[in-house]
């Protein structure tokens, strides 16, 4: 007959799982709280920006092309 895993081994594995989960959660929370939004303007107060405008133009290709593409993103300064 095969031997079963002992209760002590199961308890140790469960405790290690809980400890690793708690530590991982703390690391993620720490990283999230240290994030900072930077728009490149040197200021970090975004309380005034409540709206924006996005436009998208899709142009049909003249000829079928390969599986590559080109994306252009233009961000205009706030008027």
PDB file of N, CA and C in Angstrom:
ATOM      1  N   UNK A   1       0.827  -1.181   0.000  1.00  0.00           N
ATOM      2  CA  UNK A   1       0.000   0.000   0.000  1.00  0.00           C
ATOM      3  C   UNK A   1       0.875   1.250   0.000  1.00  0.00           C
ATOM      4  N   UNK A   2       0.439   2.248  -0.742  1.00  0.00           N
ATOM      5  CA  UNK A   2       1.185   3.493  -0.783  1.00  0.00           C
ATOM      6  C   UNK A   2       0.940   4.287   0.494  1.00  0.00           C
ATOM      7  N   UNK A   3       1.990   5.004   0.894  1.00  0.00           N
ATOM      8  CA  UNK A   3       1.840   5.843   2.085  1.00  0.00           C
ATOM      9  C   UNK A   3       1.177   7.157   1.704  1.00  0.00           C
ATOM     10  N   UNK A   4       0.282   7.642   2.568  1.00  0.00           N
ATOM     11  CA  UNK A   4      -0.347   8.938   2.364  1.00  0.00           C
ATOM     12  C   UNK A   4       0.581  10.036   2.861  1.00  0.00           C
ATOM     13  N   UNK A   5       0.312  11.247   2.402  1.00  0.00           N
ATOM     14  CA  UNK A   5       1.071  12.397   2.887  1.00  0.00           C
ATOM     15  C   UNK A   5       0.653  12.656   4.327  1.00  0.00           C
ATOM     16  N   UNK A   6       1.633  12.910   5.166  1.00  0.00           N
ATOM     17  CA  UNK A   6       1.323  13.102   6.584  1.00  0.00           C
ATOM     18  C   UNK A   6       0.577  14.423   6.806  1.00  0.00           C
ATOM     19  N   UNK A   7      -0.131  14.485   7.909  1.00  0.00           N
ATOM     20  CA  UNK A   7      -0.877  15.696   8.258  1.00  0.00           C
ATOM     21  C   UNK A   7       0.052  16.871   8.481  1.00  0.00           C
ATOM     22  N   UNK A   8       1.227  16.617   9.041  1.00  0.00           N
ATOM     23  CA  UNK A   8       2.196  17.692   9.276  1.00  0.00           C
ATOM     24  C   UNK A   8       2.633  18.312   7.942  1.00  0.00           C
ATOM     25  N   UNK A   9       2.845  17.488   6.942  1.00  0.00           N
ATOM     26  CA  UNK A   9       3.253  17.997   5.635  1.00  0.00           C
ATOM     27  C   UNK A   9       2.159  18.858   5.022  1.00  0.00           C
ATOM     28  N   UNK A  10       0.931  18.443   5.143  1.00  0.00           N
ATOM     29  CA  UNK A  10      -0.194  19.208   4.613  1.00  0.00           C
ATOM     30  C   UNK A  10      -0.316  20.543   5.329  1.00  0.00           C
ATOM     31  N   UNK A  11      -0.169  20.537   6.646  1.00  0.00           N
ATOM     32  CA  UNK A  11      -0.257  21.778   7.423  1.00  0.00           C
ATOM     33  C   UNK A  11       0.859  22.734   7.013  1.00  0.00           C
ATOM     34  N   UNK A  12       2.063  22.214   6.855  1.00  0.00           N
ATOM     35  CA  UNK A  12       3.188  23.067   6.458  1.00  0.00           C
ATOM     36  C   UNK A  12       2.943  23.663   5.071  1.00  0.00           C
ATOM     37  N   UNK A  13       2.452  22.861   4.140  1.00  0.00           N
ATOM     38  CA  UNK A  13       2.171  23.367   2.797  1.00  0.00           C
ATOM     39  C   UNK A  13       1.076  24.430   2.803  1.00  0.00           C
ATOM     40  N   UNK A  14       0.043  24.228   3.589  1.00  0.00           N
ATOM     41  CA  UNK A  14      -1.030  25.225   3.684  1.00  0.00           C
ATOM     42  C   UNK A  14      -0.504  26.518   4.299  1.00  0.00           C
ATOM     43  N   UNK A  15       0.299  26.415   5.359  1.00  0.00           N
ATOM     44  CA  UNK A  15       0.865  27.606   5.989  1.00  0.00           C
ATOM     45  C   UNK A  15       1.790  28.361   5.025  1.00  0.00           C
ATOM     46  N   UNK A  16       2.603  27.638   4.283  1.00  0.00           N
ATOM     47  CA  UNK A  16       3.472  28.291   3.302  1.00  0.00           C
ATOM     48  C   UNK A  16       2.652  28.996   2.221  1.00  0.00           C
ATOM     49  N   UNK A  17       1.586  28.365   1.795  1.00  0.00           N
ATOM     50  CA  UNK A  17       0.717  28.977   0.788  1.00  0.00           C
ATOM     51  C   UNK A  17       0.099  30.260   1.307  1.00  0.00           C
ATOM     52  N   UNK A  18      -0.381  30.247   2.529  1.00  0.00           N
ATOM     53  CA  UNK A  18      -0.999  31.438   3.128  1.00  0.00           C
ATOM     54  C   UNK A  18       0.034  32.544   3.286  1.00  0.00           C
ATOM     55  N   UNK A  19       1.235  32.205   3.767  1.00  0.00           N
ATOM     56  CA  UNK A  19       2.284  33.204   3.973  1.00  0.00           C
ATOM     57  C   UNK A  19       2.702  33.827   2.642  1.00  0.00           C
ATOM     58  N   UNK A  20       2.891  33.006   1.626  1.00  0.00           N
ATOM     59  CA  UNK A  20       3.273  33.520   0.307  1.00  0.00           C
ATOM     60  C   UNK A  20       2.171  34.401  -0.276  1.00  0.00           C
ATOM     61  N   UNK A  21       0.925  34.018  -0.088  1.00  0.00           N
ATOM     62  CA  UNK A  21      -0.201  34.821  -0.590  1.00  0.00           C
ATOM     63  C   UNK A  21      -0.260  36.175   0.093  1.00  0.00           C
ATOM     64  N   UNK A  22      -0.106  36.192   1.409  1.00  0.00           N
ATOM     65  CA  UNK A  22      -0.161  37.449   2.156  1.00  0.00           C
ATOM     66  C   UNK A  22       1.009  38.352   1.762  1.00  0.00           C
ATOM     67  N   UNK A  23       2.205  37.794   1.669  1.00  0.00           N
ATOM     68  CA  UNK A  23       3.367  38.597   1.285  1.00  0.00           C
ATOM     69  C   UNK A  23       3.219  39.138  -0.133  1.00  0.00           C
ATOM     70  N   UNK A  24       2.712  38.328  -1.047  1.00  0.00           N
ATOM     71  CA  UNK A  24       2.513  38.783  -2.422  1.00  0.00           C
ATOM     72  C   UNK A  24       1.491  39.908  -2.479  1.00  0.00           C
ATOM     73  N   UNK A  25       0.430  39.779  -1.706  1.00  0.00           N
ATOM     74  CA  UNK A  25      -0.585  40.828  -1.658  1.00  0.00           C
ATOM     75  C   UNK A  25       0.000  42.124  -1.132  1.00  0.00           C
ATOM     76  N   UNK A  26       0.812  42.050  -0.092  1.00  0.00           N
ATOM     77  CA  UNK A  26       1.436  43.250   0.458  1.00  0.00           C
ATOM     78  C   UNK A  26       2.377  43.902  -0.545  1.00  0.00           C
ATOM     79  N   UNK A  27       3.111  43.107  -1.301  1.00  0.00           N
ATOM     80  CA  UNK A  27       4.016  43.660  -2.309  1.00  0.00           C
ATOM     81  C   UNK A  27       3.216  44.366  -3.406  1.00  0.00           C
ATOM     82  N   UNK A  28       2.128  43.754  -3.855  1.00  0.00           N
ATOM     83  CA  UNK A  28       1.309  44.370  -4.901  1.00  0.00           C
ATOM     84  C   UNK A  28       0.696  45.667  -4.401  1.00  0.00           C
ATOM     85  N   UNK A  29       0.172  45.678  -3.192  1.00  0.00           N
ATOM     86  CA  UNK A  29      -0.416  46.901  -2.626  1.00  0.00           C
ATOM     87  C   UNK A  29       0.640  47.984  -2.490  1.00  0.00           C
ATOM     88  N   UNK A  30       1.831  47.619  -2.075  1.00  0.00           N
ATOM     89  CA  UNK A  30       2.916  48.582  -1.963  1.00  0.00           C
ATOM     90  C   UNK A  30       3.280  49.174  -3.318  1.00  0.00           C
ATOM     91  N   UNK A  31       3.355  48.340  -4.334  1.00  0.00           N
ATOM     92  CA  UNK A  31       3.684  48.828  -5.678  1.00  0.00           C
ATOM     93  C   UNK A  31       2.588  49.730  -6.224  1.00  0.00           C
ATOM     94  N   UNK A  32       1.337  49.381  -5.986  1.00  0.00           N
ATOM     95  CA  UNK A  32       0.227  50.204  -6.477  1.00  0.00           C
ATOM     96  C   UNK A  32       0.230  51.563  -5.788  1.00  0.00           C
ATOM     97  N   UNK A  33       0.496  51.589  -4.500  1.00  0.00           N
ATOM     98  CA  UNK A  33       0.479  52.865  -3.783  1.00  0.00           C
ATOM     99  C   UNK A  33       1.655  53.753  -4.170  1.00  0.00           C
ATOM    100  N   UNK A  34       2.717  53.177  -4.725  1.00  0.00           N
ATOM    101  CA  UNK A  34       3.860  53.993  -5.109  1.00  0.00           C
ATOM    102  C   UNK A  34       3.788  54.474  -6.552  1.00  0.00           C
ATOM    103  N   UNK A  35       2.743  54.077  -7.303  1.00  0.00           N
ATOM    104  CA  UNK A  35       2.597  54.539  -8.677  1.00  0.00           C
ATOM    105  C   UNK A  35       2.266  56.021  -8.706  1.00  0.00           C
ATOM    106  N   UNK A  36       2.777  56.695  -9.726  1.00  0.00           N
ATOM    107  CA  UNK A  36       2.530  58.120  -9.880  1.00  0.00           C
ATOM    108  C   UNK A  36       2.268  58.391 -11.346  1.00  0.00           C
ATOM    109  N   UNK A  37       1.264  59.195 -11.633  1.00  0.00           N
ATOM    110  CA  UNK A  37       0.936  59.542 -13.004  1.00  0.00           C
ATOM    111  C   UNK A  37       1.788  60.726 -13.412  1.00  0.00           C
ATOM    112  N   UNK A  38       2.426  60.615 -14.587  1.00  0.00           N
ATOM    113  CA  UNK A  38       3.270  61.695 -15.079  1.00  0.00           C
ATOM    114  C   UNK A  38       2.925  61.939 -16.537  1.00  0.00           C
ATOM    115  N   UNK A  39       2.483  63.162 -16.861  1.00  0.00           N
ATOM    116  CA  UNK A  39       2.141  63.490 -18.244  1.00  0.00           C
ATOM    117  C   UNK A  39       3.273  64.195 -18.963  1.00  0.00           C
ATOM    118  N   UNK A  40       4.410  64.338 -18.316  1.00  0.00           N
ATOM    119  CA  UNK A  40       5.562  64.963 -18.947  1.00  0.00           C
ATOM    120  C   UNK A  40       5.592  66.467 -18.801  1.00  0.00           C
ATOM    121  N   UNK A  41       4.574  67.075 -18.234  1.00  0.00           N
ATOM    122  CA  UNK A  41       4.543  68.534 -18.107  1.00  0.00           C
ATOM    123  C   UNK A  41       5.173  69.013 -16.806  1.00  0.00           C
ATOM    124  N   UNK A  42       5.527  68.104 -15.938  1.00  0.00           N
ATOM    125  CA  UNK A  42       6.143  68.491 -14.679  1.00  0.00           C
ATOM    126  C   UNK A  42       5.152  68.742 -13.560  1.00  0.00           C
ATOM    127  N   UNK A  43       3.883  68.710 -13.871  1.00  0.00           N
ATOM    128  CA  UNK A  43       2.898  68.902 -12.806  1.00  0.00           C
ATOM    129  C   UNK A  43       2.189  67.581 -12.547  1.00  0.00           C
ATOM    130  N   UNK A  44       1.729  67.414 -11.328  1.00  0.00           N
ATOM    131  CA  UNK A  44       1.086  66.143 -10.985  1.00  0.00           C
ATOM    132  C   UNK A  44      -0.355  66.322 -10.531  1.00  0.00           C
ATOM    133  N   UNK A  45      -0.921  67.520 -10.686  1.00  0.00           N
ATOM    134  CA  UNK A  45      -2.302  67.766 -10.289  1.00  0.00           C
ATOM    135  C   UNK A  45      -3.202  67.636 -11.508  1.00  0.00           C
ATOM    136  N   UNK A  46      -4.039  66.622 -11.544  1.00  0.00           N
ATOM    137  CA  UNK A  46      -4.932  66.394 -12.663  1.00  0.00           C
ATOM    138  C   UNK A  46      -6.373  66.684 -12.304  1.00  0.00           C
ATOM    139  N   UNK A  47      -6.598  67.494 -11.282  1.00  0.00           N
ATOM    140  CA  UNK A  47      -7.972  67.743 -10.848  1.00  0.00           C
ATOM    141  C   UNK A  47      -8.758  68.534 -11.880  1.00  0.00           C
ATOM    142  N   UNK A  48      -8.104  69.286 -12.780  1.00  0.00           N
ATOM    143  CA  UNK A  48      -8.809  70.095 -13.755  1.00  0.00           C
ATOM    144  C   UNK A  48      -9.153  69.358 -15.028  1.00  0.00           C
ATOM    145  N   UNK A  49      -8.542  68.223 -15.283  1.00  0.00           N
ATOM    146  CA  UNK A  49      -8.810  67.524 -16.545  1.00  0.00           C
ATOM    147  C   UNK A  49      -9.957  66.545 -16.353  1.00  0.00           C
ATOM    148  N   UNK A  50     -11.101  66.925 -16.908  1.00  0.00           N
ATOM    149  CA  UNK A  50     -12.274  66.074 -16.753  1.00  0.00           C
ATOM    150  C   UNK A  50     -12.801  65.559 -18.077  1.00  0.00           C
ATOM    151  N   UNK A  51     -12.273  66.049 -19.191  1.00  0.00           N
ATOM    152  CA  UNK A  51     -12.776  65.590 -20.478  1.00  0.00           C
ATOM    153  C   UNK A  51     -11.645  65.582 -21.492  1.00  0.00           C
ATOM    154  N   UNK A  52     -11.913  64.965 -22.604  1.00  0.00           N
ATOM    155  CA  UNK A  52     -10.925  64.912 -23.665  1.00  0.00           C
ATOM    156  C   UNK A  52     -11.607  64.588 -24.976  1.00  0.00           C
ATOM    157  N   UNK A  53     -10.826  64.607 -26.045  1.00  0.00           N
ATOM    158  CA  UNK A  53     -11.380  64.327 -27.361  1.00  0.00           C
ATOM    159  C   UNK A  53     -10.480  63.314 -28.047  1.00  0.00           C
ATOM    160  N   UNK A  54     -11.105  62.308 -28.632  1.00  0.00           N
ATOM    161  CA  UNK A  54     -10.383  61.268 -29.340  1.00  0.00           C
ATOM    162  C   UNK A  54     -10.971  61.140 -30.728  1.00  0.00           C
ATOM    163  N   UNK A  55     -10.106  61.099 -31.730  1.00  0.00           N
ATOM    164  CA  UNK A  55     -10.604  60.864 -33.083  1.00  0.00           C
ATOM    165  C   UNK A  55      -9.827  59.702 -33.685  1.00  0.00           C
ATOM    166  N   UNK A  56     -10.506  58.937 -34.531  1.00  0.00           N
ATOM    167  CA  UNK A  56      -9.915  57.763 -35.147  1.00  0.00           C
ATOM    168  C   UNK A  56     -10.318  57.745 -36.609  1.00  0.00           C
ATOM    169  N   UNK A  57      -9.325  57.635 -37.469  1.00  0.00           N
ATOM    170  CA  UNK A  57      -9.595  57.565 -38.903  1.00  0.00           C
ATOM    171  C   UNK A  57      -9.054  56.239 -39.426  1.00  0.00           C
ATOM    172  N   UNK A  58      -9.919  55.440 -40.030  1.00  0.00           N
ATOM    173  CA  UNK A  58      -9.520  54.160 -40.592  1.00  0.00           C
ATOM    174  C   UNK A  58      -9.526  54.307 -42.105  1.00  0.00           C
ATOM    175  N   UNK A  59      -8.365  54.112 -42.699  1.00  0.00           N
ATOM    176  CA  UNK A  59      -8.208  54.260 -44.138  1.00  0.00           C
ATOM    177  C   UNK A  59      -7.994  52.878 -44.739  1.00  0.00           C
ATOM    178  N   UNK A  60      -8.766  52.577 -45.760  1.00  0.00           N
ATOM    179  CA  UNK A  60      -8.627  51.283 -46.420  1.00  0.00           C
ATOM    180  C   UNK A  60      -7.334  51.272 -47.229  1.00  0.00           C
ATOM    181  N   UNK A  61      -6.589  50.190 -47.101  1.00  0.00           N
ATOM    182  CA  UNK A  61      -5.324  50.058 -47.814  1.00  0.00           C
ATOM    183  C   UNK A  61      -5.582  49.882 -49.306  1.00  0.00           C
ATOM    184  N   UNK A  62      -4.683  50.449 -50.134  1.00  0.00           N
ATOM    185  CA  UNK A  62      -4.829  50.334 -51.581  1.00  0.00           C
ATOM    186  C   UNK A  62      -4.620  48.898 -52.042  1.00  0.00           C
ATOM    187  N   UNK A  63      -3.659  48.214 -51.441  1.00  0.00           N
ATOM    188  CA  UNK A  63      -3.362  46.833 -51.790  1.00  0.00           C
ATOM    189  C   UNK A  63      -3.325  46.010 -50.510  1.00  0.00           C
ATOM    190  N   UNK A  64      -3.637  44.747 -50.649  1.00  0.00           N
ATOM    191  CA  UNK A  64      -3.471  43.889 -49.461  1.00  0.00           C
ATOM    192  C   UNK A  64      -2.001  43.869 -49.052  1.00  0.00           C
ATOM    193  N   UNK A  65      -1.774  43.988 -47.781  1.00  0.00           N
ATOM    194  CA  UNK A  65      -0.398  43.999 -47.294  1.00  0.00           C
ATOM    195  C   UNK A  65      -0.166  42.814 -46.363  1.00  0.00           C
ATOM    196  N   UNK A  66       1.029  42.706 -45.901  1.00  0.00           N
ATOM    197  CA  UNK A  66       1.349  41.612 -44.984  1.00  0.00           C
ATOM    198  C   UNK A  66       0.724  41.891 -43.625  1.00  0.00           C
ATOM    199  N   UNK A  67       1.062  41.104 -42.642  1.00  0.00           N
ATOM    200  CA  UNK A  67       0.443  41.194 -41.321  1.00  0.00           C
ATOM    201  C   UNK A  67       1.071  42.273 -40.450  1.00  0.00           C
ATOM    202  N   UNK A  68       1.717  43.249 -41.047  1.00  0.00           N
ATOM    203  CA  UNK A  68       2.286  44.343 -40.257  1.00  0.00           C
ATOM    204  C   UNK A  68       1.356  45.531 -40.308  1.00  0.00           C
ATOM    205  N   UNK A  69       1.566  46.479 -39.441  1.00  0.00           N
ATOM    206  CA  UNK A  69       0.704  47.645 -39.400  1.00  0.00           C
ATOM    207  C   UNK A  69       1.454  48.864 -38.937  1.00  0.00           C
ATOM    208  N   UNK A  70       0.781  49.989 -38.973  1.00  0.00           N
ATOM    209  CA  UNK A  70       1.379  51.255 -38.564  1.00  0.00           C
ATOM    210  C   UNK A  70       0.323  52.037 -37.793  1.00  0.00           C
ATOM    211  N   UNK A  71       0.677  52.489 -36.625  1.00  0.00           N
ATOM    212  CA  UNK A  71      -0.241  53.252 -35.788  1.00  0.00           C
ATOM    213  C   UNK A  71       0.406  54.584 -35.468  1.00  0.00           C
ATOM    214  N   UNK A  72      -0.336  55.664 -35.632  1.00  0.00           N
ATOM    215  CA  UNK A  72       0.153  56.991 -35.292  1.00  0.00           C
ATOM    216  C   UNK A  72      -0.765  57.569 -34.228  1.00  0.00           C
ATOM    217  N   UNK A  73      -0.168  58.050 -33.152  1.00  0.00           N
ATOM    218  CA  UNK A  73      -0.927  58.643 -32.053  1.00  0.00           C
ATOM    219  C   UNK A  73      -0.444  60.063 -31.876  1.00  0.00           C
ATOM    220  N   UNK A  74      -1.366  61.028 -32.007  1.00  0.00           N
ATOM    221  CA  UNK A  74      -1.009  62.427 -31.828  1.00  0.00           C
ATOM    222  C   UNK A  74      -1.801  62.960 -30.643  1.00  0.00           C
ATOM    223  N   UNK A  75      -1.092  63.477 -29.655  1.00  0.00           N
ATOM    224  CA  UNK A  75      -1.736  64.027 -28.461  1.00  0.00           C
ATOM    225  C   UNK A  75      -1.574  65.536 -28.520  1.00  0.00           C
ATOM    226  N   UNK A  76      -2.689  66.240 -28.672  1.00  0.00           N
ATOM    227  CA  UNK A  76      -2.665  67.696 -28.746  1.00  0.00           C
ATOM    228  C   UNK A  76      -2.698  68.276 -27.346  1.00  0.00           C
ATOM    229  N   UNK A  77      -2.012  69.390 -27.122  1.00  0.00           N
ATOM    230  CA  UNK A  77      -2.056  70.027 -25.800  1.00  0.00           C
ATOM    231  C   UNK A  77      -3.447  70.608 -25.530  1.00  0.00           C
ATOM    232  N   UNK A  78      -3.739  70.735 -24.266  1.00  0.00           N
ATOM    233  CA  UNK A  78      -5.031  71.265 -23.841  1.00  0.00           C
ATOM    234  C   UNK A  78      -5.150  72.727 -24.275  1.00  0.00           C
ATOM    235  N   UNK A  79      -6.280  73.085 -24.874  1.00  0.00           N
ATOM    236  CA  UNK A  79      -6.470  74.450 -25.362  1.00  0.00           C
ATOM    237  C   UNK A  79      -7.048  75.332 -24.306  1.00  0.00           C
TER     238      UNK A  79
END
